[in-house]
Amino acid sequence: MLKKFWNEWKFNVLLVVFLLPFKSVIADLNPVPTGSMNPTILEGDLVLSNKLSYSLKIPFTLKHIVRWRHPKPGDVVICFSPRDNTRLVKRIVGIPGDQIKMVDNKLFINGKSVQYTFPEKDYGSIVSKKLRGHTYFAEEQLGDCKHPIMLSQLKTHLKNFKTVRLSDGEYFVMGDNRDNSMDSRSFGVVKGDSIVGKVEAVVFSLDIVDTFLPRINRFFQWLS
């Protein structure tokens, strides 16, 4: 009986035995249901996260065995909200030791304004049609990472915050959709141990807002 069961199910058993630790320690696929990272990551994107980007962890835990580098400004990461432990996709904008504030949607890090430029790409053609009438775009320079952000013409409480000082192991994360993102402006700083990996690419995309069709041009698109 046991032998018959093993012969019939051994492939599935071995798949689970090897796949689950792989997803926990090495890499994983994460669906993105919201637009908080527009226009970099869209609603309906499926992203690949590299869990070996920063460290090696004990499987199924957030405990590090060895760490070889730390998240840097501009990295898009998978992390857990300190408020309710929700899994999130956000961008690192502040690292330990930084003093960060925002004035009229402009970031200031350690007293200096982050550089903003007019975007070279037509990001308005990428996002949902419902957003195009009241949004505009810019490119933000965080360290050596230049990336797009989306801003709303509407007034929101998210456009400003007072200086936040980041202690050891603390990171400030934000969505690229600056006026519609639940991030460190709402739930506070994120601890380094709750950052589980770096988002490397969009591997699949389905337009879940307008057409409900695959966005083939976004398949296997590496993030800068």
Protein backbone atom coordinates (compact mmCIF):
# COMPACT_ATOMS: atom_id res chain seq x y z
CA MET A 1 0.00 0.00 0.00
CA LEU A 2 2.74 2.44 1.01
CA LYS A 3 4.85 1.45 -1.98
CA LYS A 4 1.94 2.01 -4.33
CA PHE A 5 1.26 5.41 -2.80
CA TRP A 6 4.93 6.39 -3.17
CA ASN A 7 5.09 5.27 -6.80
CA GLU A 8 1.98 7.29 -7.62
CA TRP A 9 2.78 10.42 -5.64
CA LYS A 10 6.57 10.57 -5.38
CA PHE A 11 6.87 13.26 -8.06
CA ASN A 12 4.41 15.52 -6.24
CA VAL A 13 6.04 14.86 -2.87
CA LEU A 14 9.53 15.61 -4.20
CA LEU A 15 8.23 18.72 -5.95
CA VAL A 16 6.83 20.07 -2.70
CA VAL A 17 9.94 19.10 -0.71
CA PHE A 18 12.23 21.04 -3.07
CA LEU A 19 9.90 23.78 -4.29
CA LEU A 20 8.82 25.19 -0.92
CA PRO A 21 12.37 25.75 0.40
CA PHE A 22 13.30 27.22 -2.99
CA LYS A 23 10.45 29.72 -2.77
CA SER A 24 11.31 30.51 0.84
CA VAL A 25 15.06 31.02 0.43
CA ILE A 26 16.02 31.60 -3.21
CA ALA A 27 13.30 33.16 -5.37
CA ASP A 28 9.56 33.62 -5.56
CA LEU A 29 6.82 35.01 -7.79
CA ASN A 30 4.62 37.70 -6.29
CA PRO A 31 1.37 39.03 -7.79
CA VAL A 32 0.79 42.79 -7.50
CA PRO A 33 -2.93 43.57 -7.12
CA THR A 34 -2.70 47.35 -6.56
CA GLY A 35 -1.31 50.39 -8.37
CA SER A 36 0.88 51.71 -5.54
CA MET A 37 4.03 51.18 -7.65
CA ASN A 38 2.69 52.75 -10.86
CA PRO A 39 4.22 53.29 -13.37
CA THR A 40 7.15 50.96 -12.57
CA ILE A 41 4.95 48.00 -11.60
CA LEU A 42 1.33 47.92 -12.68
CA GLU A 43 -1.81 46.33 -11.27
CA GLY A 44 -1.82 42.74 -12.48
CA ASP A 45 1.95 42.35 -12.85
CA LEU A 46 3.58 39.16 -11.58
CA VAL A 47 7.07 39.99 -10.33
CA LEU A 48 10.14 37.87 -9.62
CA SER A 49 11.81 38.47 -6.27
CA ASN A 50 15.40 37.40 -5.63
CA LYS A 51 15.62 36.33 -1.99
CA LEU A 52 19.39 35.91 -2.20
CA SER A 53 19.96 39.56 -3.07
CA TYR A 54 20.90 40.54 0.45
CA SER A 55 21.34 37.41 2.54
CA LEU A 56 20.78 33.71 3.09
CA LYS A 57 17.93 32.94 5.48
CA ILE A 58 16.80 29.90 7.40
CA PRO A 59 13.96 28.39 5.32
CA PHE A 60 10.45 29.56 6.30
CA THR A 61 11.81 32.24 8.63
CA LEU A 62 13.16 35.80 8.45
CA LYS A 63 16.31 34.85 10.35
CA HIS A 64 19.57 35.48 8.50
CA ILE A 65 22.33 32.89 8.35
CA VAL A 66 24.72 35.23 6.57
CA ARG A 67 24.27 38.69 5.04
CA TRP A 68 26.45 39.90 2.14
CA ARG A 69 24.92 43.28 1.42
CA HIS A 70 22.17 45.65 2.50
CA PRO A 71 19.30 47.25 0.57
CA LYS A 72 20.30 50.52 -1.06
CA PRO A 73 18.29 53.58 -2.13
CA GLY A 74 16.27 52.85 -5.25
CA ASP A 75 15.92 49.11 -4.71
CA VAL A 76 12.43 47.71 -5.23
CA VAL A 77 11.87 45.13 -2.50
CA ILE A 78 9.40 42.68 -1.05
CA CYS A 79 8.82 43.53 2.60
CA PHE A 80 6.27 43.09 5.36
CA SER A 81 4.24 45.95 6.78
CA PRO A 82 5.06 46.61 10.46
CA ARG A 83 1.38 47.42 10.98
CA ASP A 84 -0.32 44.18 9.92
CA ASN A 85 2.41 41.99 8.40
CA THR A 86 0.99 42.39 4.90
CA ARG A 87 3.40 41.48 2.11
CA LEU A 88 4.24 44.61 0.09
CA VAL A 89 6.19 45.71 -2.97
CA LYS A 90 7.85 49.08 -2.30
CA ARG A 91 10.95 51.13 -3.13
CA ILE A 92 13.72 51.90 -0.65
CA VAL A 93 14.08 55.68 -0.34
CA GLY A 94 15.87 55.94 3.02
CA ILE A 95 18.50 53.74 4.67
CA PRO A 96 19.96 53.57 8.21
CA GLY A 97 21.52 56.88 9.23
CA ASP A 98 19.47 58.98 6.81
CA GLN A 99 17.32 61.94 7.72
CA ILE A 100 14.44 62.11 5.28
CA LYS A 101 11.50 64.45 4.75
CA MET A 102 9.09 65.40 1.97
CA VAL A 103 7.90 68.86 0.93
CA ASP A 104 5.28 69.15 -1.84
CA ASN A 105 6.14 65.65 -3.10
CA LYS A 106 9.88 66.40 -3.20
CA LEU A 107 12.16 64.19 -1.12
CA PHE A 108 14.97 65.67 0.94
CA ILE A 109 17.63 63.26 2.18
CA ASN A 110 20.16 64.49 4.72
CA GLY A 111 19.17 68.07 3.97
CA LYS A 112 19.59 67.84 0.19
CA SER A 113 16.78 67.70 -2.36
CA VAL A 114 16.59 64.59 -4.52
CA GLN A 115 17.03 65.38 -8.21
CA TYR A 116 13.91 65.33 -10.39
CA THR A 117 13.80 65.53 -14.18
CA PHE A 118 11.16 65.50 -16.89
CA PRO A 119 10.60 61.90 -18.03
CA GLU A 120 11.95 60.78 -21.39
CA LYS A 121 9.37 57.98 -21.64
CA ASP A 122 5.62 58.36 -22.13
CA TYR A 123 4.52 56.76 -18.85
CA GLY A 124 0.98 58.02 -19.35
CA SER A 125 0.49 55.42 -22.07
CA ILE A 126 1.43 52.62 -19.66
CA VAL A 127 -0.92 53.21 -16.74
CA SER A 128 -4.66 52.62 -16.62
CA LYS A 129 -6.83 54.89 -18.76
CA LYS A 130 -8.69 55.89 -15.60
CA LEU A 131 -5.56 57.60 -14.26
CA ARG A 132 -4.46 59.58 -17.30
CA GLY A 133 -6.63 62.63 -16.80
CA HIS A 134 -5.32 63.72 -13.40
CA THR A 135 -1.78 62.36 -13.09
CA TYR A 136 1.67 63.47 -14.22
CA PHE A 137 5.11 61.92 -14.11
CA ALA A 138 8.71 62.69 -13.23
CA GLU A 139 11.97 60.78 -12.90
CA GLU A 140 13.65 60.65 -9.51
CA GLN A 141 17.34 60.01 -8.83
CA LEU A 142 17.97 57.88 -5.73
CA GLY A 143 21.67 57.13 -5.48
CA ASP A 144 22.60 55.52 -8.80
CA CYS A 145 18.99 54.55 -9.54
CA LYS A 146 16.88 56.74 -11.82
CA HIS A 147 13.24 55.71 -11.81
CA PRO A 148 9.79 57.10 -12.62
CA ILE A 149 7.23 58.34 -10.13
CA MET A 150 3.56 59.14 -10.64
CA LEU A 151 1.95 62.17 -9.02
CA SER A 152 -1.64 63.29 -8.67
CA GLN A 153 -3.01 66.76 -9.34
CA LEU A 154 -5.33 66.24 -6.38
CA LYS A 155 -4.35 67.47 -2.94
CA THR A 156 -3.53 64.66 -0.52
CA HIS A 157 -1.96 64.44 2.93
CA LEU A 158 0.83 62.26 1.48
CA LYS A 159 2.67 65.11 -0.24
CA ASN A 160 4.43 66.25 2.94
CA PHE A 161 5.98 64.74 6.05
CA LYS A 162 8.37 66.02 8.70
CA THR A 163 11.93 64.80 9.14
CA VAL A 164 12.29 61.13 9.99
CA ARG A 165 15.62 59.92 11.38
CA LEU A 166 16.45 56.32 10.56
CA SER A 167 18.30 54.26 13.15
CA ASP A 168 20.32 51.07 12.59
CA GLY A 169 18.31 48.47 10.73
CA GLU A 170 15.53 50.91 9.73
CA TYR A 171 14.43 51.65 6.18
CA PHE A 172 11.93 54.10 4.72
CA VAL A 173 9.90 52.63 1.87
CA MET A 174 7.51 54.32 -0.55
CA GLY A 175 5.46 53.48 -3.61
CA ASP A 176 6.29 55.11 -6.93
CA ASN A 177 2.63 56.15 -7.11
CA ARG A 178 3.35 58.83 -4.56
CA ASP A 179 -0.20 60.04 -3.90
CA ASN A 180 -1.81 56.60 -3.68
CA SER A 181 0.45 54.29 -1.71
CA MET A 182 0.27 52.79 1.76
CA ASP A 183 3.90 52.97 2.84
CA SER A 184 6.26 54.30 5.52
CA ARG A 185 4.40 57.61 5.53
CA SER A 186 1.47 55.69 7.03
CA PHE A 187 2.88 52.73 8.94
CA GLY A 188 6.37 53.93 9.79
CA VAL A 189 9.82 52.52 9.11
CA VAL A 190 10.46 48.96 7.97
CA LYS A 191 13.01 46.81 9.77
CA GLY A 192 15.74 45.24 7.69
CA ASP A 193 14.80 41.75 8.84
CA SER A 194 11.34 42.14 7.29
CA ILE A 195 12.81 42.81 3.82
CA VAL A 196 12.78 39.41 2.16
CA GLY A 197 14.19 40.10 -1.28
CA LYS A 198 14.75 42.41 -4.22
CA VAL A 199 12.30 42.58 -7.12
CA GLU A 200 14.23 41.86 -10.31
CA ALA A 201 11.67 41.60 -13.11
CA VAL A 202 8.08 41.49 -14.30
CA VAL A 203 7.57 37.97 -15.68
CA PHE A 204 3.88 38.19 -16.56
CA SER A 205 1.28 40.94 -16.74
CA LEU A 206 -2.51 40.99 -17.00
CA ASP A 207 -4.45 44.23 -17.35
CA ILE A 208 -6.91 43.82 -14.47
CA VAL A 209 -8.29 47.36 -14.73
CA ASP A 210 -9.12 48.21 -18.35
CA THR A 211 -9.03 45.32 -20.84
CA PHE A 212 -8.48 42.15 -18.75
CA LEU A 213 -6.03 40.99 -21.42
CA PRO A 214 -2.35 40.03 -21.11
CA ARG A 215 0.16 42.86 -21.50
CA ILE A 216 2.56 40.87 -23.67
CA ASN A 217 5.02 43.75 -23.98
CA ARG A 218 5.64 43.55 -20.21
CA PHE A 219 6.49 39.83 -20.14
CA PHE A 220 10.04 39.17 -18.85
CA GLN A 221 10.80 42.86 -18.42
CA TRP A 222 13.78 43.48 -16.14
CA LEU A 223 13.58 46.39 -13.73
CA SER A 224 16.35 48.99 -13.78
